Amino acid sequence: MAMRDFVPILAEPVTELPPVGDYGFEVKWDEFRCILERAADGTVHLQSRQGTALTMAFSDIAEAAQRDFPEEVLLDGEVVIWHGGRLDFGRLQRRLNRKPATVRRENAQSPAHFVAFDLLRRAGEDLTERAYKQRRDGLETLFEEWHLTPPWTLCPATGKRPGGGCRSGLPRASKESSPKTYDNHIDPASEAG
């Protein structure tokens, strides 16, 4: 599966959780959805869910992937920028359609972070047909094996569904910004992304 062929699955709002089944709950960030590919030859590509190239706009993330990822990988996640203790969508938008010098200045003033929530391919192996739980375990293993630290963030997730709702099992993004949540069915295989 080539990166350009991948169509991410989008979160859909529901009024209540399904009555049966095992689910994994993750934060929904509402920033820039991003597919990140570190190819076997070491090149890195970032694209939006619509297929727009984001590599130049988030060259700091691309450079970090070249430095930190020792093998081929395809990740689904979101690019976020923290500013003043909260997520700043406006600073993300300032990266788009800019000259390289402007992007470099933005990189220095407001570094981007990549929040990973799905592992789609690793070392040439397509993982999209695997169950969510297997992909999530693989993503957690990848973070441990590669000793990933910022700008890399593993999206918080929980399998608990307490009576108070799924949000009580997840951290808040900040005092000013409460994340949304979405669920992934753990078994049988759920769609990747």
Protein backbone atom coordinates (compact mmCIF):
# COMPACT_ATOMS: atom_id res chain seq x y z
CA MET A 1 0.00 0.00 0.00
CA ALA A 2 1.46 3.33 -1.06
CA MET A 3 0.84 6.38 1.08
CA ARG A 4 -1.07 8.08 -1.73
CA ASP A 5 -3.46 5.09 -1.82
CA PHE A 6 -4.35 5.33 1.86
CA VAL A 7 -7.66 6.97 2.74
CA PRO A 8 -7.93 7.61 6.48
CA ILE A 9 -11.03 6.64 8.40
CA LEU A 10 -12.60 9.71 9.99
CA ALA A 11 -14.17 9.91 13.42
CA GLU A 12 -17.94 10.11 13.43
CA PRO A 13 -20.02 11.61 16.23
CA VAL A 14 -22.43 9.35 18.09
CA THR A 15 -24.99 10.18 20.73
CA GLU A 16 -24.18 7.12 22.83
CA LEU A 17 -21.67 4.30 22.94
CA PRO A 18 -22.61 0.93 21.45
CA PRO A 19 -24.06 -1.46 24.06
CA VAL A 20 -21.77 -4.41 23.30
CA GLY A 21 -18.18 -5.02 22.26
CA ASP A 22 -14.73 -4.06 23.34
CA TYR A 23 -13.60 -0.60 22.32
CA GLY A 24 -10.46 1.48 22.57
CA PHE A 25 -10.97 5.19 23.15
CA GLU A 26 -8.55 7.85 21.91
CA VAL A 27 -8.34 11.62 21.96
CA LYS A 28 -9.56 13.42 18.83
CA TRP A 29 -7.34 16.49 18.49
CA ASP A 30 -9.07 18.59 15.79
CA GLU A 31 -5.78 19.83 14.40
CA PHE A 32 -4.19 18.73 11.05
CA ARG A 33 -4.78 15.06 10.24
CA CYS A 34 -1.56 13.79 8.72
CA ILE A 35 -0.26 10.61 7.16
CA LEU A 36 3.49 10.32 7.68
CA GLU A 37 5.60 8.01 5.56
CA ARG A 38 9.27 7.25 6.07
CA ALA A 39 10.04 5.24 2.94
CA ALA A 40 12.56 2.40 2.69
CA ASP A 41 15.02 4.77 0.97
CA GLY A 42 14.83 7.20 3.93
CA THR A 43 12.74 9.89 2.28
CA VAL A 44 9.89 11.31 4.33
CA HIS A 45 6.52 12.48 3.07
CA LEU A 46 3.66 14.06 4.98
CA GLN A 47 0.21 14.51 3.50
CA SER A 48 -3.19 15.69 4.66
CA ARG A 49 -6.23 13.43 4.69
CA GLN A 50 -7.22 15.03 1.36
CA GLY A 51 -3.82 14.15 -0.14
CA THR A 52 -2.26 17.63 0.06
CA ALA A 53 1.52 17.56 0.49
CA LEU A 54 2.51 18.86 3.94
CA THR A 55 6.20 17.93 3.95
CA MET A 56 7.48 21.45 3.29
CA ALA A 57 5.02 23.12 5.67
CA PHE A 58 6.09 20.79 8.48
CA SER A 59 9.72 20.30 7.52
CA ASP A 60 10.62 20.11 11.22
CA ILE A 61 8.54 16.91 11.52
CA ALA A 62 10.01 15.53 8.27
CA GLU A 63 13.55 16.19 9.51
CA ALA A 64 12.77 14.55 12.86
CA ALA A 65 11.40 11.47 11.08
CA GLN A 66 14.58 11.17 9.00
CA ARG A 67 16.61 11.42 12.20
CA ASP A 68 14.48 9.27 14.53
CA PHE A 69 12.95 6.53 12.36
CA PRO A 70 15.44 3.76 11.53
CA GLU A 71 13.16 1.88 9.10
CA GLU A 72 10.19 2.18 6.79
CA VAL A 73 6.99 3.19 8.55
CA LEU A 74 3.56 4.66 7.74
CA LEU A 75 1.76 6.42 10.57
CA ASP A 76 -1.64 8.05 10.86
CA GLY A 77 -1.88 10.92 13.29
CA GLU A 78 -2.22 14.65 13.68
CA VAL A 79 0.20 17.53 13.53
CA VAL A 80 -0.30 19.90 16.45
CA ILE A 81 1.35 23.07 17.70
CA TRP A 82 1.29 23.98 21.37
CA HIS A 83 1.49 27.67 22.24
CA GLY A 84 0.79 29.29 25.57
CA GLY A 85 -0.15 25.95 27.13
CA ARG A 86 -2.82 25.09 24.57
CA LEU A 87 -3.23 23.87 21.01
CA ASP A 88 -2.99 26.65 18.43
CA PHE A 89 -4.70 25.93 15.11
CA GLY A 90 -3.84 29.39 13.80
CA ARG A 91 -0.12 28.64 14.05
CA LEU A 92 -0.68 25.44 12.05
CA GLN A 93 -2.38 27.43 9.31
CA ARG A 94 0.51 29.91 9.20
CA ARG A 95 2.73 27.08 7.94
CA LEU A 96 0.74 26.51 4.75
CA ASN A 97 1.69 27.98 1.36
CA ARG A 98 4.71 29.81 2.72
CA LYS A 99 8.21 30.38 1.45
CA PRO A 100 10.88 28.10 2.94
CA ALA A 101 12.39 30.99 4.95
CA THR A 102 8.99 31.72 6.52
CA VAL A 103 8.50 28.04 7.38
CA ARG A 104 11.96 27.90 9.00
CA ARG A 105 11.07 30.93 11.13
CA GLU A 106 7.76 29.34 12.14
CA ASN A 107 9.60 26.07 12.95
CA ALA A 108 11.86 27.96 15.34
CA GLN A 109 9.07 30.01 16.95
CA SER A 110 6.40 27.30 17.14
CA PRO A 111 7.72 23.76 16.67
CA ALA A 112 5.20 21.19 15.51
CA HIS A 113 4.51 17.84 17.16
CA PHE A 114 3.16 14.64 15.63
CA VAL A 115 0.55 12.76 17.66
CA ALA A 116 0.50 9.16 16.37
CA PHE A 117 -2.64 7.08 16.72
CA ASP A 118 -2.29 4.32 14.15
CA LEU A 119 0.51 2.19 12.72
CA LEU A 120 -0.33 1.28 9.12
CA ARG A 121 2.95 -0.17 7.85
CA ARG A 122 6.27 -1.12 9.39
CA ALA A 123 9.36 -2.51 7.66
CA GLY A 124 7.40 -3.14 4.45
CA GLU A 125 4.56 -5.02 6.15
CA ASP A 126 1.04 -3.68 5.54
CA LEU A 127 -0.77 -3.73 8.89
CA THR A 128 -4.09 -2.26 7.80
CA GLU A 129 -5.91 -5.61 7.83
CA ARG A 130 -4.94 -6.28 11.45
CA ALA A 131 -7.27 -5.60 14.35
CA TYR A 132 -7.03 -2.23 16.08
CA LYS A 133 -5.61 -3.85 19.24
CA GLN A 134 -2.74 -5.41 17.28
CA ARG A 135 -1.94 -2.14 15.51
CA ARG A 136 -2.12 -0.20 18.78
CA ASP A 137 0.21 -2.70 20.49
CA GLY A 138 2.57 -2.37 17.52
CA LEU A 139 2.50 1.44 17.76
CA GLU A 140 3.29 1.33 21.49
CA THR A 141 6.12 -1.14 20.81
CA LEU A 142 7.50 1.14 18.09
CA PHE A 143 7.56 4.11 20.50
CA GLU A 144 9.39 2.00 23.10
CA GLU A 145 11.90 0.42 20.69
CA TRP A 146 12.74 3.69 18.97
CA HIS A 147 12.80 5.67 22.25
CA LEU A 148 10.59 8.35 20.70
CA THR A 149 10.33 11.65 22.53
CA PRO A 150 9.03 15.05 21.36
CA PRO A 151 8.17 15.97 18.71
CA TRP A 152 6.62 12.47 18.78
CA THR A 153 3.60 11.81 20.98
CA LEU A 154 1.69 8.56 21.36
CA CYS A 155 -2.00 9.45 21.39
CA PRO A 156 -3.46 8.66 24.81
CA ALA A 157 -5.85 5.72 24.69
CA THR A 158 -7.84 3.62 27.10
CA GLY A 159 -9.87 0.44 26.88
CA LYS A 160 -11.97 1.38 29.89
CA ARG A 161 -15.52 2.50 29.55
CA PRO A 162 -16.38 3.75 33.02
CA GLY A 163 -19.89 4.75 33.98
CA GLY A 164 -18.93 8.43 33.82
CA GLY A 165 -18.14 8.16 30.10
CA CYS A 166 -15.00 7.47 28.14
CA ARG A 167 -13.47 10.90 28.77
CA SER A 168 -12.86 10.10 32.41
CA GLY A 169 -10.25 7.55 31.30
CA LEU A 170 -8.32 10.03 29.13
CA PRO A 171 -6.21 13.06 30.02
CA ARG A 172 -7.27 16.56 29.02
CA ALA A 173 -5.21 18.31 26.36
CA SER A 174 -5.07 21.43 28.52
CA LYS A 175 -7.22 23.36 30.95
CA GLU A 176 -8.51 25.51 28.09
CA SER A 177 -8.97 22.75 25.50
CA SER A 178 -10.89 19.57 26.21
CA PRO A 179 -10.25 16.86 23.63
CA LYS A 180 -13.01 14.90 21.99
CA THR A 181 -12.82 11.13 21.95
CA TYR A 182 -13.48 8.45 19.41
CA ASP A 183 -13.64 4.71 19.69
CA ASN A 184 -12.08 1.86 17.75
CA HIS A 185 -13.58 -1.58 17.88
CA ILE A 186 -10.86 -3.91 19.18
CA ASP A 187 -12.04 -7.26 17.78
CA PRO A 188 -12.81 -8.27 15.08
CA ALA A 189 -10.45 -6.30 12.85
CA SER A 190 -11.39 -2.62 12.66
CA GLU A 191 -10.58 -0.42 9.73
CA ALA A 192 -7.16 1.21 9.84
CA GLY A 193 -6.86 4.93 10.30
